[in-house]
Amino acid sequence: MTAWINLPAVSKIVLLGLLLGAGLPALFAVGVRLNAQGAGAAAHGGVVSQKNPALAALSWVLFALVLVAVVVGVLFVARDFIGQHTGLYILGAKHK
């Protein structure tokens, strides 16, 4: 740690930003690809392949994971507002 910058804190912020900023859209993209393969989408040459329910199920698991991450992120940002207006102090909201 220097007098100007806290390098360990900056490295944690950058790592988390890359993980969430690029990781969640990448998971969503993988889910879209798996869903297309699982539904038997047209491959090269317009030939429709057979359906694969395992890939379709895995894609929905990835979609659910991304959705949970987004909902938890929104709730984390709004936790004090939610606590003040509803009395539900979630995710470390401050009691007033």
PDB file of N, CA and C in Angstrom:
ATOM      1  N   MET A   1       0.846  -1.180   0.000  1.00  0.00           N
ATOM      2  CA  MET A   1       0.000   0.000   0.000  1.00  0.00           C
ATOM      3  C   MET A   1       0.885   1.234   0.000  1.00  0.00           C
ATOM      4  N   THR A   2       0.596   2.137  -0.915  1.00  0.00           N
ATOM      5  CA  THR A   2       1.343   3.386  -0.978  1.00  0.00           C
ATOM      6  C   THR A   2       0.508   4.496  -0.356  1.00  0.00           C
ATOM      7  N   ALA A   3       1.086   5.675  -0.303  1.00  0.00           N
ATOM      8  CA  ALA A   3       0.363   6.812   0.274  1.00  0.00           C
ATOM      9  C   ALA A   3      -0.756   7.271  -0.645  1.00  0.00           C
ATOM     10  N   TRP A   4      -0.654   6.968  -1.934  1.00  0.00           N
ATOM     11  CA  TRP A   4      -1.638   7.470  -2.890  1.00  0.00           C
ATOM     12  C   TRP A   4      -2.731   6.468  -3.234  1.00  0.00           C
ATOM     13  N   ILE A   5      -2.379   5.206  -3.200  1.00  0.00           N
ATOM     14  CA  ILE A   5      -3.335   4.210  -3.683  1.00  0.00           C
ATOM     15  C   ILE A   5      -3.228   2.938  -2.841  1.00  0.00           C
ATOM     16  N   ASN A   6      -4.358   2.337  -2.574  1.00  0.00           N
ATOM     17  CA  ASN A   6      -4.416   1.085  -1.830  1.00  0.00           C
ATOM     18  C   ASN A   6      -4.481  -0.050  -2.864  1.00  0.00           C
ATOM     19  N   LEU A   7      -3.327  -0.589  -3.215  1.00  0.00           N
ATOM     20  CA  LEU A   7      -3.247  -1.588  -4.284  1.00  0.00           C
ATOM     21  C   LEU A   7      -4.032  -2.863  -3.991  1.00  0.00           C
ATOM     22  N   PRO A   8      -4.022  -3.409  -2.784  1.00  0.00           N
ATOM     23  CA  PRO A   8      -4.846  -4.612  -2.551  1.00  0.00           C
ATOM     24  C   PRO A   8      -6.346  -4.348  -2.759  1.00  0.00           C
ATOM     25  N   ALA A   9      -6.816  -3.193  -2.314  1.00  0.00           N
ATOM     26  CA  ALA A   9      -8.235  -2.873  -2.493  1.00  0.00           C
ATOM     27  C   ALA A   9      -8.567  -2.656  -3.969  1.00  0.00           C
ATOM     28  N   VAL A  10      -7.690  -1.984  -4.684  1.00  0.00           N
ATOM     29  CA  VAL A  10      -7.911  -1.743  -6.110  1.00  0.00           C
ATOM     30  C   VAL A  10      -7.920  -3.061  -6.875  1.00  0.00           C
ATOM     31  N   SER A  11      -7.015  -3.966  -6.525  1.00  0.00           N
ATOM     32  CA  SER A  11      -6.974  -5.257  -7.227  1.00  0.00           C
ATOM     33  C   SER A  11      -8.248  -6.063  -6.964  1.00  0.00           C
ATOM     34  N   LYS A  12      -8.790  -6.004  -5.736  1.00  0.00           N
ATOM     35  CA  LYS A  12     -10.048  -6.700  -5.440  1.00  0.00           C
ATOM     36  C   LYS A  12     -11.202  -6.108  -6.231  1.00  0.00           C
ATOM     37  N   ILE A  13     -11.239  -4.790  -6.332  1.00  0.00           N
ATOM     38  CA  ILE A  13     -12.309  -4.113  -7.079  1.00  0.00           C
ATOM     39  C   ILE A  13     -12.228  -4.461  -8.559  1.00  0.00           C
ATOM     40  N   VAL A  14     -11.030  -4.447  -9.114  1.00  0.00           N
ATOM     41  CA  VAL A  14     -10.858  -4.777 -10.537  1.00  0.00           C
ATOM     42  C   VAL A  14     -11.247  -6.226 -10.797  1.00  0.00           C
ATOM     43  N   LEU A  15     -10.828  -7.137  -9.925  1.00  0.00           N
ATOM     44  CA  LEU A  15     -11.154  -8.552 -10.107  1.00  0.00           C
ATOM     45  C   LEU A  15     -12.663  -8.789 -10.025  1.00  0.00           C
ATOM     46  N   LEU A  16     -13.318  -8.194  -9.040  1.00  0.00           N
ATOM     47  CA  LEU A  16     -14.766  -8.351  -8.913  1.00  0.00           C
ATOM     48  C   LEU A  16     -15.492  -7.695 -10.085  1.00  0.00           C
ATOM     49  N   GLY A  17     -15.008  -6.549 -10.536  1.00  0.00           N
ATOM     50  CA  GLY A  17     -15.612  -5.891 -11.694  1.00  0.00           C
ATOM     51  C   GLY A  17     -15.496  -6.727 -12.958  1.00  0.00           C
ATOM     52  N   LEU A  18     -14.351  -7.354 -13.158  1.00  0.00           N
ATOM     53  CA  LEU A  18     -14.192  -8.229 -14.321  1.00  0.00           C
ATOM     54  C   LEU A  18     -15.071  -9.455 -14.212  1.00  0.00           C
ATOM     55  N   LEU A  19     -15.136 -10.013 -13.006  1.00  0.00           N
ATOM     56  CA  LEU A  19     -15.935 -11.217 -12.803  1.00  0.00           C
ATOM     57  C   LEU A  19     -17.411 -10.947 -13.065  1.00  0.00           C
ATOM     58  N   LEU A  20     -17.941  -9.902 -12.476  1.00  0.00           N
ATOM     59  CA  LEU A  20     -19.363  -9.597 -12.648  1.00  0.00           C
ATOM     60  C   LEU A  20     -19.644  -8.858 -13.953  1.00  0.00           C
ATOM     61  N   GLY A  21     -18.749  -7.982 -14.335  1.00  0.00           N
ATOM     62  CA  GLY A  21     -18.974  -7.192 -15.538  1.00  0.00           C
ATOM     63  C   GLY A  21     -18.842  -7.984 -16.821  1.00  0.00           C
ATOM     64  N   ALA A  22     -17.967  -8.962 -16.824  1.00  0.00           N
ATOM     65  CA  ALA A  22     -17.790  -9.794 -18.012  1.00  0.00           C
ATOM     66  C   ALA A  22     -18.285 -11.211 -17.782  1.00  0.00           C
ATOM     67  N   GLY A  23     -18.275 -11.666 -16.548  1.00  0.00           N
ATOM     68  CA  GLY A  23     -18.655 -13.044 -16.256  1.00  0.00           C
ATOM     69  C   GLY A  23     -20.139 -13.319 -16.418  1.00  0.00           C
ATOM     70  N   LEU A  24     -20.979 -12.418 -15.915  1.00  0.00           N
ATOM     71  CA  LEU A  24     -22.423 -12.643 -16.029  1.00  0.00           C
ATOM     72  C   LEU A  24     -22.903 -12.593 -17.478  1.00  0.00           C
ATOM     73  N   PRO A  25     -22.485 -11.605 -18.275  1.00  0.00           N
ATOM     74  CA  PRO A  25     -22.877 -11.655 -19.693  1.00  0.00           C
ATOM     75  C   PRO A  25     -22.317 -12.877 -20.420  1.00  0.00           C
ATOM     76  N   ALA A  26     -21.130 -13.319 -20.038  1.00  0.00           N
ATOM     77  CA  ALA A  26     -20.567 -14.521 -20.658  1.00  0.00           C
ATOM     78  C   ALA A  26     -21.387 -15.755 -20.287  1.00  0.00           C
ATOM     79  N   LEU A  27     -21.814 -15.861 -19.021  1.00  0.00           N
ATOM     80  CA  LEU A  27     -22.673 -16.970 -18.618  1.00  0.00           C
ATOM     81  C   LEU A  27     -23.996 -16.945 -19.380  1.00  0.00           C
ATOM     82  N   PHE A  28     -24.548 -15.756 -19.549  1.00  0.00           N
ATOM     83  CA  PHE A  28     -25.797 -15.627 -20.295  1.00  0.00           C
ATOM     84  C   PHE A  28     -25.592 -16.070 -21.747  1.00  0.00           C
ATOM     85  N   ALA A  29     -24.482 -15.662 -22.345  1.00  0.00           N
ATOM     86  CA  ALA A  29     -24.201 -16.045 -23.729  1.00  0.00           C
ATOM     87  C   ALA A  29     -24.023 -17.554 -23.861  1.00  0.00           C
ATOM     88  N   VAL A  30     -23.361 -18.169 -22.899  1.00  0.00           N
ATOM     89  CA  VAL A  30     -23.216 -19.624 -22.924  1.00  0.00           C
ATOM     90  C   VAL A  30     -24.582 -20.282 -22.784  1.00  0.00           C
ATOM     91  N   GLY A  31     -25.447 -19.705 -21.934  1.00  0.00           N
ATOM     92  CA  GLY A  31     -26.801 -20.226 -21.789  1.00  0.00           C
ATOM     93  C   GLY A  31     -27.603 -20.140 -23.071  1.00  0.00           C
ATOM     94  N   VAL A  32     -27.461 -19.038 -23.790  1.00  0.00           N
ATOM     95  CA  VAL A  32     -28.162 -18.892 -25.074  1.00  0.00           C
ATOM     96  C   VAL A  32     -27.674 -19.931 -26.070  1.00  0.00           C
ATOM     97  N   ARG A  33     -26.367 -20.130 -26.100  1.00  0.00           N
ATOM     98  CA  ARG A  33     -25.793 -21.124 -27.027  1.00  0.00           C
ATOM     99  C   ARG A  33     -26.259 -22.540 -26.679  1.00  0.00           C
ATOM    100  N   LEU A  34     -26.238 -22.874 -25.385  1.00  0.00           N
ATOM    101  CA  LEU A  34     -26.686 -24.205 -24.969  1.00  0.00           C
ATOM    102  C   LEU A  34     -28.171 -24.395 -25.228  1.00  0.00           C
ATOM    103  N   ASN A  35     -28.948 -23.338 -25.047  1.00  0.00           N
ATOM    104  CA  ASN A  35     -30.382 -23.423 -25.310  1.00  0.00           C
ATOM    105  C   ASN A  35     -30.647 -23.673 -26.791  1.00  0.00           C
ATOM    106  N   ALA A  36     -29.888 -23.020 -27.644  1.00  0.00           N
ATOM    107  CA  ALA A  36     -30.060 -23.231 -29.084  1.00  0.00           C
ATOM    108  C   ALA A  36     -29.696 -24.665 -29.468  1.00  0.00           C
ATOM    109  N   GLN A  37     -28.624 -25.184 -28.903  1.00  0.00           N
ATOM    110  CA  GLN A  37     -28.232 -26.564 -29.199  1.00  0.00           C
ATOM    111  C   GLN A  37     -29.222 -27.554 -28.587  1.00  0.00           C
ATOM    112  N   GLY A  38     -29.717 -27.241 -27.386  1.00  0.00           N
ATOM    113  CA  GLY A  38     -30.645 -28.143 -26.723  1.00  0.00           C
ATOM    114  C   GLY A  38     -32.003 -28.184 -27.386  1.00  0.00           C
ATOM    115  N   ALA A  39     -32.391 -27.083 -28.054  1.00  0.00           N
ATOM    116  CA  ALA A  39     -33.690 -27.037 -28.723  1.00  0.00           C
ATOM    117  C   ALA A  39     -33.636 -27.649 -30.113  1.00  0.00           C
ATOM    118  N   GLY A  40     -32.452 -28.028 -30.557  1.00  0.00           N
ATOM    119  CA  GLY A  40     -32.331 -28.607 -31.891  1.00  0.00           C
ATOM    120  C   GLY A  40     -32.354 -27.543 -32.966  1.00  0.00           C
ATOM    121  N   ALA A  41     -31.689 -26.430 -32.723  1.00  0.00           N
ATOM    122  CA  ALA A  41     -31.667 -25.337 -33.691  1.00  0.00           C
ATOM    123  C   ALA A  41     -30.923 -25.760 -34.950  1.00  0.00           C
ATOM    124  N   ALA A  42     -31.153 -25.021 -36.011  1.00  0.00           N
ATOM    125  CA  ALA A  42     -30.521 -25.331 -37.290  1.00  0.00           C
ATOM    126  C   ALA A  42     -29.018 -25.116 -37.201  1.00  0.00           C
ATOM    127  N   ALA A  43     -28.284 -26.120 -37.597  1.00  0.00           N
ATOM    128  CA  ALA A  43     -26.832 -26.027 -37.607  1.00  0.00           C
ATOM    129  C   ALA A  43     -26.383 -25.526 -38.979  1.00  0.00           C
ATOM    130  N   HIS A  44     -25.127 -25.715 -39.302  1.00  0.00           N
ATOM    131  CA  HIS A  44     -24.605 -25.287 -40.594  1.00  0.00           C
ATOM    132  C   HIS A  44     -25.324 -26.017 -41.720  1.00  0.00           C
ATOM    133  N   GLY A  45     -25.678 -25.297 -42.733  1.00  0.00           N
ATOM    134  CA  GLY A  45     -26.344 -25.897 -43.877  1.00  0.00           C
ATOM    135  C   GLY A  45     -27.845 -26.023 -43.702  1.00  0.00           C
ATOM    136  N   GLY A  46     -28.395 -25.506 -42.596  1.00  0.00           N
ATOM    137  CA  GLY A  46     -29.830 -25.524 -42.389  1.00  0.00           C
ATOM    138  C   GLY A  46     -30.382 -26.844 -41.902  1.00  0.00           C
ATOM    139  N   VAL A  47     -29.519 -27.785 -41.564  1.00  0.00           N
ATOM    140  CA  VAL A  47     -29.967 -29.089 -41.076  1.00  0.00           C
ATOM    141  C   VAL A  47     -30.276 -28.959 -39.583  1.00  0.00           C
ATOM    142  N   VAL A  48     -31.487 -29.380 -39.191  1.00  0.00           N
ATOM    143  CA  VAL A  48     -31.890 -29.296 -37.783  1.00  0.00           C
ATOM    144  C   VAL A  48     -31.413 -30.542 -37.061  1.00  0.00           C
ATOM    145  N   SER A  49     -30.661 -30.323 -35.988  1.00  0.00           N
ATOM    146  CA  SER A  49     -30.169 -31.466 -35.215  1.00  0.00           C
ATOM    147  C   SER A  49     -31.231 -31.930 -34.227  1.00  0.00           C
ATOM    148  N   GLN A  50     -30.990 -33.063 -33.591  1.00  0.00           N
ATOM    149  CA  GLN A  50     -31.942 -33.593 -32.629  1.00  0.00           C
ATOM    150  C   GLN A  50     -31.917 -32.762 -31.348  1.00  0.00           C
ATOM    151  N   LYS A  51     -33.060 -32.754 -30.651  1.00  0.00           N
ATOM    152  CA  LYS A  51     -33.147 -32.027 -29.393  1.00  0.00           C
ATOM    153  C   LYS A  51     -32.328 -32.727 -28.323  1.00  0.00           C
ATOM    154  N   ASN A  52     -31.737 -31.913 -27.451  1.00  0.00           N
ATOM    155  CA  ASN A  52     -30.962 -32.431 -26.333  1.00  0.00           C
ATOM    156  C   ASN A  52     -31.492 -31.775 -25.061  1.00  0.00           C
ATOM    157  N   PRO A  53     -32.364 -32.469 -24.321  1.00  0.00           N
ATOM    158  CA  PRO A  53     -32.965 -31.856 -23.141  1.00  0.00           C
ATOM    159  C   PRO A  53     -31.961 -31.535 -22.039  1.00  0.00           C
ATOM    160  N   ALA A  54     -30.855 -32.247 -21.973  1.00  0.00           N
ATOM    161  CA  ALA A  54     -29.848 -31.959 -20.946  1.00  0.00           C
ATOM    162  C   ALA A  54     -29.226 -30.583 -21.176  1.00  0.00           C
ATOM    163  N   LEU A  55     -28.932 -30.244 -22.432  1.00  0.00           N
ATOM    164  CA  LEU A  55     -28.377 -28.927 -22.734  1.00  0.00           C
ATOM    165  C   LEU A  55     -29.401 -27.827 -22.478  1.00  0.00           C
ATOM    166  N   ALA A  56     -30.659 -28.099 -22.806  1.00  0.00           N
ATOM    167  CA  ALA A  56     -31.707 -27.113 -22.544  1.00  0.00           C
ATOM    168  C   ALA A  56     -31.851 -26.878 -21.042  1.00  0.00           C
ATOM    169  N   ALA A  57     -31.805 -27.931 -20.249  1.00  0.00           N
ATOM    170  CA  ALA A  57     -31.911 -27.793 -18.794  1.00  0.00           C
ATOM    171  C   ALA A  57     -30.713 -27.030 -18.232  1.00  0.00           C
ATOM    172  N   LEU A  58     -29.518 -27.324 -18.730  1.00  0.00           N
ATOM    173  CA  LEU A  58     -28.325 -26.616 -18.281  1.00  0.00           C
ATOM    174  C   LEU A  58     -28.407 -25.139 -18.638  1.00  0.00           C
ATOM    175  N   SER A  59     -28.959 -24.828 -19.789  1.00  0.00           N
ATOM    176  CA  SER A  59     -29.102 -23.423 -20.169  1.00  0.00           C
ATOM    177  C   SER A  59     -30.047 -22.697 -19.214  1.00  0.00           C
ATOM    178  N   TRP A  60     -31.124 -23.357 -18.798  1.00  0.00           N
ATOM    179  CA  TRP A  60     -32.055 -22.721 -17.862  1.00  0.00           C
ATOM    180  C   TRP A  60     -31.425 -22.558 -16.484  1.00  0.00           C
ATOM    181  N   VAL A  61     -30.539 -23.448 -16.094  1.00  0.00           N
ATOM    182  CA  VAL A  61     -29.817 -23.288 -14.834  1.00  0.00           C
ATOM    183  C   VAL A  61     -28.914 -22.049 -14.911  1.00  0.00           C
ATOM    184  N   LEU A  62     -28.244 -21.872 -16.035  1.00  0.00           N
ATOM    185  CA  LEU A  62     -27.394 -20.684 -16.205  1.00  0.00           C
ATOM    186  C   LEU A  62     -28.225 -19.408 -16.218  1.00  0.00           C
ATOM    187  N   PHE A  63     -29.378 -19.434 -16.880  1.00  0.00           N
ATOM    188  CA  PHE A  63     -30.266 -18.260 -16.878  1.00  0.00           C
ATOM    189  C   PHE A  63     -30.718 -17.935 -15.463  1.00  0.00           C
ATOM    190  N   ALA A  64     -31.057 -18.964 -14.685  1.00  0.00           N
ATOM    191  CA  ALA A  64     -31.496 -18.746 -13.307  1.00  0.00           C
ATOM    192  C   ALA A  64     -30.361 -18.172 -12.464  1.00  0.00           C
ATOM    193  N   LEU A  65     -29.151 -18.641 -12.670  1.00  0.00           N
ATOM    194  CA  LEU A  65     -27.998 -18.133 -11.934  1.00  0.00           C
ATOM    195  C   LEU A  65     -27.765 -16.653 -12.230  1.00  0.00           C
ATOM    196  N   VAL A  66     -27.851 -16.279 -13.496  1.00  0.00           N
ATOM    197  CA  VAL A  66     -27.688 -14.872 -13.873  1.00  0.00           C
ATOM    198  C   VAL A  66     -28.814 -14.037 -13.281  1.00  0.00           C
ATOM    199  N   LEU A  67     -30.048 -14.542 -13.322  1.00  0.00           N
ATOM    200  CA  LEU A  67     -31.179 -13.810 -12.767  1.00  0.00           C
ATOM    201  C   LEU A  67     -31.030 -13.600 -11.264  1.00  0.00           C
ATOM    202  N   VAL A  68     -30.589 -14.627 -10.546  1.00  0.00           N
ATOM    203  CA  VAL A  68     -30.374 -14.501  -9.105  1.00  0.00           C
ATOM    204  C   VAL A  68     -29.302 -13.461  -8.813  1.00  0.00           C
ATOM    205  N   ALA A  69     -28.224 -13.463  -9.573  1.00  0.00           N
ATOM    206  CA  ALA A  69     -27.150 -12.486  -9.370  1.00  0.00           C
ATOM    207  C   ALA A  69     -27.652 -11.072  -9.602  1.00  0.00           C
ATOM    208  N   VAL A  70     -28.475 -10.871 -10.617  1.00  0.00           N
ATOM    209  CA  VAL A  70     -29.011  -9.535 -10.904  1.00  0.00           C
ATOM    210  C   VAL A  70     -29.962  -9.086  -9.800  1.00  0.00           C
ATOM    211  N   VAL A  71     -30.853  -9.979  -9.360  1.00  0.00           N
ATOM    212  CA  VAL A  71     -31.806  -9.624  -8.308  1.00  0.00           C
ATOM    213  C   VAL A  71     -31.084  -9.311  -7.001  1.00  0.00           C
ATOM    214  N   VAL A  72     -30.095 -10.115  -6.627  1.00  0.00           N
ATOM    215  CA  VAL A  72     -29.334  -9.851  -5.408  1.00  0.00           C
ATOM    216  C   VAL A  72     -28.586  -8.524  -5.528  1.00  0.00           C
ATOM    217  N   GLY A  73     -28.049  -8.223  -6.697  1.00  0.00           N
ATOM    218  CA  GLY A  73     -27.363  -6.943  -6.898  1.00  0.00           C
ATOM    219  C   GLY A  73     -28.294  -5.762  -6.740  1.00  0.00           C
ATOM    220  N   VAL A  74     -29.482  -5.850  -7.294  1.00  0.00           N
ATOM    221  CA  VAL A  74     -30.459  -4.756  -7.160  1.00  0.00           C
ATOM    222  C   VAL A  74     -30.897  -4.619  -5.708  1.00  0.00           C
ATOM    223  N   LEU A  75     -31.154  -5.738  -5.043  1.00  0.00           N
ATOM    224  CA  LEU A  75     -31.547  -5.686  -3.629  1.00  0.00           C
ATOM    225  C   LEU A  75     -30.424  -5.127  -2.765  1.00  0.00           C
ATOM    226  N   PHE A  76     -29.183  -5.442  -3.101  1.00  0.00           N
ATOM    227  CA  PHE A  76     -28.055  -4.911  -2.341  1.00  0.00           C
ATOM    228  C   PHE A  76     -27.956  -3.394  -2.482  1.00  0.00           C
ATOM    229  N   VAL A  77     -28.163  -2.907  -3.684  1.00  0.00           N
ATOM    230  CA  VAL A  77     -28.098  -1.465  -3.907  1.00  0.00           C
ATOM    231  C   VAL A  77     -29.234  -0.750  -3.186  1.00  0.00           C
ATOM    232  N   ALA A  78     -30.414  -1.359  -3.161  1.00  0.00           N
ATOM    233  CA  ALA A  78     -31.598  -0.720  -2.582  1.00  0.00           C
ATOM    234  C   ALA A  78     -31.872  -1.176  -1.150  1.00  0.00           C
ATOM    235  N   ARG A  79     -30.924  -1.814  -0.485  1.00  0.00           N
ATOM    236  CA  ARG A  79     -31.183  -2.417   0.822  1.00  0.00           C
ATOM    237  C   ARG A  79     -31.594  -1.398   1.882  1.00  0.00           C
ATOM    238  N   ASP A  80     -30.977  -0.238   1.941  1.00  0.00           N
ATOM    239  CA  ASP A  80     -31.354   0.771   2.934  1.00  0.00           C
ATOM    240  C   ASP A  80     -32.740   1.332   2.658  1.00  0.00           C
ATOM    241  N   PHE A  81     -33.047   1.564   1.403  1.00  0.00           N
ATOM    242  CA  PHE A  81     -34.376   2.055   1.023  1.00  0.00           C
ATOM    243  C   PHE A  81     -35.446   1.033   1.406  1.00  0.00           C
ATOM    244  N   ILE A  82     -35.184  -0.231   1.099  1.00  0.00           N
ATOM    245  CA  ILE A  82     -36.139  -1.292   1.422  1.00  0.00           C
ATOM    246  C   ILE A  82     -36.310  -1.402   2.935  1.00  0.00           C
ATOM    247  N   GLY A  83     -35.215  -1.321   3.666  1.00  0.00           N
ATOM    248  CA  GLY A  83     -35.287  -1.405   5.120  1.00  0.00           C
ATOM    249  C   GLY A  83     -36.053  -0.258   5.738  1.00  0.00           C
ATOM    250  N   GLN A  84     -35.846   0.935   5.216  1.00  0.00           N
ATOM    251  CA  GLN A  84     -36.521   2.116   5.761  1.00  0.00           C
ATOM    252  C   GLN A  84     -38.018   2.080   5.481  1.00  0.00           C
ATOM    253  N   HIS A  85     -38.414   1.621   4.316  1.00  0.00           N
ATOM    254  CA  HIS A  85     -39.824   1.684   3.933  1.00  0.00           C
ATOM    255  C   HIS A  85     -40.632   0.439   4.283  1.00  0.00           C
ATOM    256  N   THR A  86     -39.955  -0.692   4.462  1.00  0.00           N
ATOM    257  CA  THR A  86     -40.705  -1.919   4.740  1.00  0.00           C
ATOM    258  C   THR A  86     -40.373  -2.533   6.091  1.00  0.00           C
ATOM    259  N   GLY A  87     -39.268  -2.140   6.677  1.00  0.00           N
ATOM    260  CA  GLY A  87     -38.843  -2.748   7.928  1.00  0.00           C
ATOM    261  C   GLY A  87     -38.081  -4.044   7.732  1.00  0.00           C
ATOM    262  N   LEU A  88     -37.831  -4.453   6.495  1.00  0.00           N
ATOM    263  CA  LEU A  88     -37.056  -5.650   6.197  1.00  0.00           C
ATOM    264  C   LEU A  88     -35.601  -5.246   5.952  1.00  0.00           C
ATOM    265  N   TYR A  89     -34.770  -5.432   6.946  1.00  0.00           N
ATOM    266  CA  TYR A  89     -33.371  -5.034   6.840  1.00  0.00           C
ATOM    267  C   TYR A  89     -32.573  -6.214   6.303  1.00  0.00           C
ATOM    268  N   ILE A  90     -32.392  -6.239   4.986  1.00  0.00           N
ATOM    269  CA  ILE A  90     -31.737  -7.360   4.307  1.00  0.00           C
ATOM    270  C   ILE A  90     -30.345  -6.972   3.857  1.00  0.00           C
ATOM    271  N   LEU A  91     -29.509  -7.966   3.696  1.00  0.00           N
ATOM    272  CA  LEU A  91     -28.159  -7.811   3.123  1.00  0.00           C
ATOM    273  C   LEU A  91     -27.333  -6.743   3.824  1.00  0.00           C
ATOM    274  N   GLY A  92     -27.463  -6.650   5.128  1.00  0.00           N
ATOM    275  CA  GLY A  92     -26.638  -5.719   5.896  1.00  0.00           C
ATOM    276  C   GLY A  92     -27.143  -4.290   5.889  1.00  0.00           C
ATOM    277  N   ALA A  93     -28.427  -4.080   5.699  1.00  0.00           N
ATOM    278  CA  ALA A  93     -28.981  -2.715   5.708  1.00  0.00           C
ATOM    279  C   ALA A  93     -28.858  -2.135   7.105  1.00  0.00           C
ATOM    280  N   LYS A  94     -28.711  -0.825   7.179  1.00  0.00           N
ATOM    281  CA  LYS A  94     -28.542  -0.131   8.456  1.00  0.00           C
ATOM    282  C   LYS A  94     -29.902   0.105   9.104  1.00  0.00           C
ATOM    283  N   HIS A  95     -30.010  -0.236  10.391  1.00  0.00           N
ATOM    284  CA  HIS A  95     -31.232   0.026  11.140  1.00  0.00           C
ATOM    285  C   HIS A  95     -31.241   1.502  11.548  1.00  0.00           C
ATOM    286  N   LYS A  96     -32.390   2.146  11.339  1.00  0.00           N
ATOM    287  CA  LYS A  96     -32.482   3.569  11.711  1.00  0.00           C
ATOM    288  C   LYS A  96     -33.486   3.760  12.797  1.00  0.00           C
TER     289      LYS A  96
END
